[in-house]
Amino acid sequence: MLKPEWIPLAYQDNAAQQQPIAAAASTKPKPSRVKTLQINKKKYPAPRPSK
């Protein structure tokens, strides 16, 4: 692992900004799998068989 002083300051700032976002995302309730599949079907309807 790299020592902290070797990491560029910009990278440290970026990581500090991303941590709260990741923490908030992990606490959000995940939609049920069935609901996700229904949304995907609406977005990408099954191709109709060609006659």
PDB file of N, CA and C in Angstrom:
ATOM      1  N   MET A   1       0.850  -1.206   0.000  1.00  0.00           N
ATOM      2  CA  MET A   1       0.000   0.000   0.000  1.00  0.00           C
ATOM      3  C   MET A   1       0.881   1.249   0.000  1.00  0.00           C
ATOM      4  N   LEU A   2       0.469   2.233  -0.763  1.00  0.00           N
ATOM      5  CA  LEU A   2       1.257   3.462  -0.822  1.00  0.00           C
ATOM      6  C   LEU A   2       1.104   4.246   0.466  1.00  0.00           C
ATOM      7  N   LYS A   3       2.151   4.934   0.845  1.00  0.00           N
ATOM      8  CA  LYS A   3       2.064   5.785   2.034  1.00  0.00           C
ATOM      9  C   LYS A   3       1.203   7.003   1.722  1.00  0.00           C
ATOM     10  N   PRO A   4       0.463   7.507   2.702  1.00  0.00           N
ATOM     11  CA  PRO A   4      -0.455   8.630   2.445  1.00  0.00           C
ATOM     12  C   PRO A   4       0.232   9.829   1.815  1.00  0.00           C
ATOM     13  N   GLU A   5       1.473  10.122   2.218  1.00  0.00           N
ATOM     14  CA  GLU A   5       2.122  11.329   1.685  1.00  0.00           C
ATOM     15  C   GLU A   5       2.447  11.185   0.200  1.00  0.00           C
ATOM     16  N   TRP A   6       2.432   9.955  -0.322  1.00  0.00           N
ATOM     17  CA  TRP A   6       2.701   9.769  -1.749  1.00  0.00           C
ATOM     18  C   TRP A   6       1.454  10.033  -2.594  1.00  0.00           C
ATOM     19  N   ILE A   7       0.296   9.962  -1.965  1.00  0.00           N
ATOM     20  CA  ILE A   7      -0.942  10.151  -2.723  1.00  0.00           C
ATOM     21  C   ILE A   7      -1.127  11.643  -3.014  1.00  0.00           C
ATOM     22  N   PRO A   8      -1.429  11.997  -4.257  1.00  0.00           N
ATOM     23  CA  PRO A   8      -1.632  13.415  -4.599  1.00  0.00           C
ATOM     24  C   PRO A   8      -2.778  14.011  -3.785  1.00  0.00           C
ATOM     25  N   LEU A   9      -2.664  15.308  -3.499  1.00  0.00           N
ATOM     26  CA  LEU A   9      -3.700  15.962  -2.695  1.00  0.00           C
ATOM     27  C   LEU A   9      -5.052  15.908  -3.398  1.00  0.00           C
ATOM     28  N   ALA A  10      -5.052  16.052  -4.712  1.00  0.00           N
ATOM     29  CA  ALA A  10      -6.316  16.035  -5.443  1.00  0.00           C
ATOM     30  C   ALA A  10      -7.030  14.700  -5.242  1.00  0.00           C
ATOM     31  N   TYR A  11      -6.251  13.620  -5.215  1.00  0.00           N
ATOM     32  CA  TYR A  11      -6.862  12.303  -5.025  1.00  0.00           C
ATOM     33  C   TYR A  11      -7.467  12.209  -3.632  1.00  0.00           C
ATOM     34  N   GLN A  12      -6.760  12.737  -2.629  1.00  0.00           N
ATOM     35  CA  GLN A  12      -7.287  12.699  -1.262  1.00  0.00           C
ATOM     36  C   GLN A  12      -8.581  13.500  -1.163  1.00  0.00           C
ATOM     37  N   ASP A  13      -8.608  14.684  -1.798  1.00  0.00           N
ATOM     38  CA  ASP A  13      -9.824  15.500  -1.755  1.00  0.00           C
ATOM     39  C   ASP A  13     -10.980  14.762  -2.425  1.00  0.00           C
ATOM     40  N   ASN A  14     -10.684  14.126  -3.552  1.00  0.00           N
ATOM     41  CA  ASN A  14     -11.723  13.413  -4.290  1.00  0.00           C
ATOM     42  C   ASN A  14     -12.290  12.291  -3.436  1.00  0.00           C
ATOM     43  N   ALA A  15     -11.424  11.532  -2.766  1.00  0.00           N
ATOM     44  CA  ALA A  15     -11.879  10.425  -1.930  1.00  0.00           C
ATOM     45  C   ALA A  15     -12.726  10.956  -0.778  1.00  0.00           C
ATOM     46  N   ALA A  16     -12.329  12.093  -0.215  1.00  0.00           N
ATOM     47  CA  ALA A  16     -13.090  12.661   0.899  1.00  0.00           C
ATOM     48  C   ALA A  16     -14.485  13.080   0.450  1.00  0.00           C
ATOM     49  N   GLN A  17     -14.604  13.536  -0.804  1.00  0.00           N
ATOM     50  CA  GLN A  17     -15.911  13.952  -1.315  1.00  0.00           C
ATOM     51  C   GLN A  17     -16.780  12.732  -1.637  1.00  0.00           C
ATOM     52  N   GLN A  18     -16.155  11.642  -2.075  1.00  0.00           N
ATOM     53  CA  GLN A  18     -16.936  10.482  -2.496  1.00  0.00           C
ATOM     54  C   GLN A  18     -17.436   9.650  -1.315  1.00  0.00           C
ATOM     55  N   GLN A  19     -16.729   9.676  -0.188  1.00  0.00           N
ATOM     56  CA  GLN A  19     -17.117   8.828   0.939  1.00  0.00           C
ATOM     57  C   GLN A  19     -18.549   9.079   1.422  1.00  0.00           C
ATOM     58  N   PRO A  20     -18.978  10.326   1.642  1.00  0.00           N
ATOM     59  CA  PRO A  20     -20.358  10.540   2.108  1.00  0.00           C
ATOM     60  C   PRO A  20     -21.378  10.022   1.097  1.00  0.00           C
ATOM     61  N   ILE A  21     -21.078  10.180  -0.200  1.00  0.00           N
ATOM     62  CA  ILE A  21     -21.999   9.715  -1.239  1.00  0.00           C
ATOM     63  C   ILE A  21     -22.136   8.194  -1.167  1.00  0.00           C
ATOM     64  N   ALA A  22     -21.012   7.510  -1.028  1.00  0.00           N
ATOM     65  CA  ALA A  22     -21.040   6.048  -0.959  1.00  0.00           C
ATOM     66  C   ALA A  22     -21.791   5.597   0.290  1.00  0.00           C
ATOM     67  N   ALA A  23     -21.587   6.302   1.395  1.00  0.00           N
ATOM     68  CA  ALA A  23     -22.273   5.932   2.635  1.00  0.00           C
ATOM     69  C   ALA A  23     -23.777   6.123   2.485  1.00  0.00           C
ATOM     70  N   ALA A  24     -24.179   7.212   1.831  1.00  0.00           N
ATOM     71  CA  ALA A  24     -25.610   7.466   1.653  1.00  0.00           C
ATOM     72  C   ALA A  24     -26.221   6.425   0.717  1.00  0.00           C
ATOM     73  N   ALA A  25     -25.481   6.044  -0.321  1.00  0.00           N
ATOM     74  CA  ALA A  25     -26.007   5.072  -1.280  1.00  0.00           C
ATOM     75  C   ALA A  25     -26.194   3.708  -0.627  1.00  0.00           C
ATOM     76  N   SER A  26     -25.283   3.352   0.289  1.00  0.00           N
ATOM     77  CA  SER A  26     -25.364   2.033   0.905  1.00  0.00           C
ATOM     78  C   SER A  26     -26.555   1.945   1.862  1.00  0.00           C
ATOM     79  N   THR A  27     -27.035   3.082   2.367  1.00  0.00           N
ATOM     80  CA  THR A  27     -28.146   3.053   3.324  1.00  0.00           C
ATOM     81  C   THR A  27     -29.498   3.108   2.628  1.00  0.00           C
ATOM     82  N   LYS A  28     -29.511   3.432   1.345  1.00  0.00           N
ATOM     83  CA  LYS A  28     -30.793   3.486   0.631  1.00  0.00           C
ATOM     84  C   LYS A  28     -31.395   2.085   0.547  1.00  0.00           C
ATOM     85  N   PRO A  29     -32.707   1.959   0.727  1.00  0.00           N
ATOM     86  CA  PRO A  29     -33.325   0.650   0.564  1.00  0.00           C
ATOM     87  C   PRO A  29     -33.264   0.221  -0.899  1.00  0.00           C
ATOM     88  N   LYS A  30     -32.830  -0.999  -1.133  1.00  0.00           N
ATOM     89  CA  LYS A  30     -32.717  -1.467  -2.513  1.00  0.00           C
ATOM     90  C   LYS A  30     -34.099  -1.888  -3.030  1.00  0.00           C
ATOM     91  N   PRO A  31     -34.452  -1.522  -4.268  1.00  0.00           N
ATOM     92  CA  PRO A  31     -35.733  -1.953  -4.818  1.00  0.00           C
ATOM     93  C   PRO A  31     -35.750  -3.467  -4.977  1.00  0.00           C
ATOM     94  N   SER A  32     -36.915  -4.029  -4.858  1.00  0.00           N
ATOM     95  CA  SER A  32     -37.015  -5.486  -4.988  1.00  0.00           C
ATOM     96  C   SER A  32     -36.622  -5.906  -6.390  1.00  0.00           C
ATOM     97  N   ARG A  33     -36.142  -7.123  -6.505  1.00  0.00           N
ATOM     98  CA  ARG A  33     -35.662  -7.613  -7.796  1.00  0.00           C
ATOM     99  C   ARG A  33     -36.796  -7.657  -8.812  1.00  0.00           C
ATOM    100  N   VAL A  34     -37.984  -8.004  -8.374  1.00  0.00           N
ATOM    101  CA  VAL A  34     -39.117  -8.086  -9.305  1.00  0.00           C
ATOM    102  C   VAL A  34     -39.390  -6.719  -9.922  1.00  0.00           C
ATOM    103  N   LYS A  35     -39.362  -5.691  -9.076  1.00  0.00           N
ATOM    104  CA  LYS A  35     -39.617  -4.334  -9.567  1.00  0.00           C
ATOM    105  C   LYS A  35     -38.567  -3.941 -10.597  1.00  0.00           C
ATOM    106  N   THR A  36     -37.308  -4.275 -10.327  1.00  0.00           N
ATOM    107  CA  THR A  36     -36.229  -3.947 -11.260  1.00  0.00           C
ATOM    108  C   THR A  36     -36.449  -4.638 -12.596  1.00  0.00           C
ATOM    109  N   LEU A  37     -36.867  -5.906 -12.541  1.00  0.00           N
ATOM    110  CA  LEU A  37     -37.090  -6.646 -13.786  1.00  0.00           C
ATOM    111  C   LEU A  37     -38.236  -6.016 -14.569  1.00  0.00           C
ATOM    112  N   GLN A  38     -39.279  -5.568 -13.868  1.00  0.00           N
ATOM    113  CA  GLN A  38     -40.403  -4.939 -14.563  1.00  0.00           C
ATOM    114  C   GLN A  38     -39.968  -3.657 -15.255  1.00  0.00           C
ATOM    115  N   ILE A  39     -39.124  -2.880 -14.564  1.00  0.00           N
ATOM    116  CA  ILE A  39     -38.625  -1.630 -15.160  1.00  0.00           C
ATOM    117  C   ILE A  39     -37.789  -1.953 -16.392  1.00  0.00           C
ATOM    118  N   ASN A  40     -36.943  -2.988 -16.305  1.00  0.00           N
ATOM    119  CA  ASN A  40     -36.100  -3.351 -17.439  1.00  0.00           C
ATOM    120  C   ASN A  40     -36.948  -3.797 -18.620  1.00  0.00           C
ATOM    121  N   LYS A  41     -38.056  -4.491 -18.347  1.00  0.00           N
ATOM    122  CA  LYS A  41     -38.927  -4.931 -19.447  1.00  0.00           C
ATOM    123  C   LYS A  41     -39.545  -3.733 -20.144  1.00  0.00           C
ATOM    124  N   LYS A  42     -39.901  -2.690 -19.363  1.00  0.00           N
ATOM    125  CA  LYS A  42     -40.469  -1.491 -19.981  1.00  0.00           C
ATOM    126  C   LYS A  42     -39.433  -0.788 -20.835  1.00  0.00           C
ATOM    127  N   LYS A  43     -38.206  -0.688 -20.305  1.00  0.00           N
ATOM    128  CA  LYS A  43     -37.140  -0.004 -21.056  1.00  0.00           C
ATOM    129  C   LYS A  43     -36.757  -0.798 -22.298  1.00  0.00           C
ATOM    130  N   TYR A  44     -36.610  -2.129 -22.114  1.00  0.00           N
ATOM    131  CA  TYR A  44     -36.148  -2.961 -23.221  1.00  0.00           C
ATOM    132  C   TYR A  44     -37.171  -4.065 -23.469  1.00  0.00           C
ATOM    133  N   PRO A  45     -38.226  -3.765 -24.245  1.00  0.00           N
ATOM    134  CA  PRO A  45     -39.224  -4.794 -24.514  1.00  0.00           C
ATOM    135  C   PRO A  45     -38.615  -5.940 -25.314  1.00  0.00           C
ATOM    136  N   ALA A  46     -39.137  -7.140 -25.106  1.00  0.00           N
ATOM    137  CA  ALA A  46     -38.607  -8.299 -25.824  1.00  0.00           C
ATOM    138  C   ALA A  46     -38.858  -8.123 -27.317  1.00  0.00           C
ATOM    139  N   PRO A  47     -37.889  -8.469 -28.159  1.00  0.00           N
ATOM    140  CA  PRO A  47     -38.085  -8.339 -29.610  1.00  0.00           C
ATOM    141  C   PRO A  47     -39.187  -9.270 -30.090  1.00  0.00           C
ATOM    142  N   ARG A  48     -40.055  -8.744 -30.941  1.00  0.00           N
ATOM    143  CA  ARG A  48     -41.135  -9.579 -31.451  1.00  0.00           C
ATOM    144  C   ARG A  48     -40.585 -10.552 -32.483  1.00  0.00           C
ATOM    145  N   PRO A  49     -41.055 -11.791 -32.462  1.00  0.00           N
ATOM    146  CA  PRO A  49     -40.572 -12.767 -33.453  1.00  0.00           C
ATOM    147  C   PRO A  49     -41.008 -12.358 -34.862  1.00  0.00           C
ATOM    148  N   SER A  50     -40.074 -12.386 -35.794  1.00  0.00           N
ATOM    149  CA  SER A  50     -40.410 -12.008 -37.170  1.00  0.00           C
ATOM    150  C   SER A  50     -41.143 -13.156 -37.845  1.00  0.00           C
ATOM    151  N   LYS A  51     -42.171 -12.789 -38.605  1.00  0.00           N
ATOM    152  CA  LYS A  51     -42.966 -13.838 -39.262  1.00  0.00           C
ATOM    153  C   LYS A  51     -42.295 -14.279 -40.567  1.00  0.00           C
TER     154      LYS A  51
END
